[in-house]
Amino acid sequence: MEQDIKDRLRHETENALARGVFGSPFILIDGEPFWGTDRFDDIERLYA
């Protein structure tokens, strides 16, 4: 099972990098990237 976890982590990391993720928290909504907790208010205003 440990190898399954490593494979999943590798897959998800590669997927995130391909989408331009570079930090946490990083949120993609309709292709729009938001990075950092200071963007939560922006997300709420735009998508509420």
C-alpha atoms as a PDB file:
ATOM      1  CA  MET A   1       0.000   0.000   0.000  1.00  0.00           C
ATOM      2  CA  GLU A   2       2.845   2.402   0.684  1.00  0.00           C
ATOM      3  CA  GLN A   3       3.796   2.414  -3.006  1.00  0.00           C
ATOM      4  CA  ASP A   4       0.194   3.296  -3.925  1.00  0.00           C
ATOM      5  CA  ILE A   5       0.410   6.359  -1.701  1.00  0.00           C
ATOM      6  CA  LYS A   6       3.726   7.421  -3.217  1.00  0.00           C
ATOM      7  CA  ASP A   7       2.347   6.968  -6.734  1.00  0.00           C
ATOM      8  CA  ARG A   8      -0.732   9.034  -5.901  1.00  0.00           C
ATOM      9  CA  LEU A   9       1.385  11.801  -4.373  1.00  0.00           C
ATOM     10  CA  ARG A  10       3.633  11.862  -7.435  1.00  0.00           C
ATOM     11  CA  HIS A  11       0.619  11.996  -9.768  1.00  0.00           C
ATOM     12  CA  GLU A  12      -1.102  14.793  -7.839  1.00  0.00           C
ATOM     13  CA  THR A  13       2.124  16.796  -7.572  1.00  0.00           C
ATOM     14  CA  GLU A  14       2.760  16.541 -11.309  1.00  0.00           C
ATOM     15  CA  ASN A  15      -0.846  17.541 -11.992  1.00  0.00           C
ATOM     16  CA  ALA A  16      -0.561  20.564  -9.695  1.00  0.00           C
ATOM     17  CA  LEU A  17       2.695  21.711 -11.289  1.00  0.00           C
ATOM     18  CA  ALA A  18       1.186  21.362 -14.767  1.00  0.00           C
ATOM     19  CA  ARG A  19      -1.620  23.702 -13.661  1.00  0.00           C
ATOM     20  CA  GLY A  20       0.809  26.291 -12.345  1.00  0.00           C
ATOM     21  CA  VAL A  21       0.357  25.648  -8.638  1.00  0.00           C
ATOM     22  CA  PHE A  22       3.306  27.027  -6.690  1.00  0.00           C
ATOM     23  CA  GLY A  23       2.165  27.408  -3.087  1.00  0.00           C
ATOM     24  CA  SER A  24      -0.520  26.700  -0.570  1.00  0.00           C
ATOM     25  CA  PRO A  25      -3.313  27.423  -0.331  1.00  0.00           C
ATOM     26  CA  PHE A  26      -3.719  27.623  -4.105  1.00  0.00           C
ATOM     27  CA  ILE A  27      -7.245  27.519  -5.474  1.00  0.00           C
ATOM     28  CA  LEU A  28      -8.355  27.306  -9.108  1.00  0.00           C
ATOM     29  CA  ILE A  29     -11.937  28.360  -9.798  1.00  0.00           C
ATOM     30  CA  ASP A  30     -13.058  28.314 -13.427  1.00  0.00           C
ATOM     31  CA  GLY A  31      -9.398  28.518 -14.429  1.00  0.00           C
ATOM     32  CA  GLU A  32      -8.806  31.609 -12.274  1.00  0.00           C
ATOM     33  CA  PRO A  33      -5.903  31.118  -9.850  1.00  0.00           C
ATOM     34  CA  PHE A  34      -5.989  32.409  -6.286  1.00  0.00           C
ATOM     35  CA  TRP A  35      -3.002  32.032  -3.987  1.00  0.00           C
ATOM     36  CA  GLY A  36      -2.907  32.720  -0.262  1.00  0.00           C
ATOM     37  CA  THR A  37      -5.422  33.116   2.514  1.00  0.00           C
ATOM     38  CA  ASP A  38      -5.615  36.845   1.831  1.00  0.00           C
ATOM     39  CA  ARG A  39      -7.484  35.993  -1.407  1.00  0.00           C
ATOM     40  CA  PHE A  40     -10.399  34.269   0.326  1.00  0.00           C
ATOM     41  CA  ASP A  41     -12.321  37.558   0.524  1.00  0.00           C
ATOM     42  CA  ASP A  42     -11.760  38.112  -3.215  1.00  0.00           C
ATOM     43  CA  ILE A  43     -13.069  34.632  -3.957  1.00  0.00           C
ATOM     44  CA  GLU A  44     -16.143  35.246  -1.842  1.00  0.00           C
ATOM     45  CA  ARG A  45     -16.877  38.575  -3.564  1.00  0.00           C
ATOM     46  CA  LEU A  46     -16.400  37.196  -7.064  1.00  0.00           C
ATOM     47  CA  TYR A  47     -18.202  33.887  -6.687  1.00  0.00           C
ATOM     48  CA  ALA A  48     -20.861  34.424  -4.019  1.00  0.00           C
END
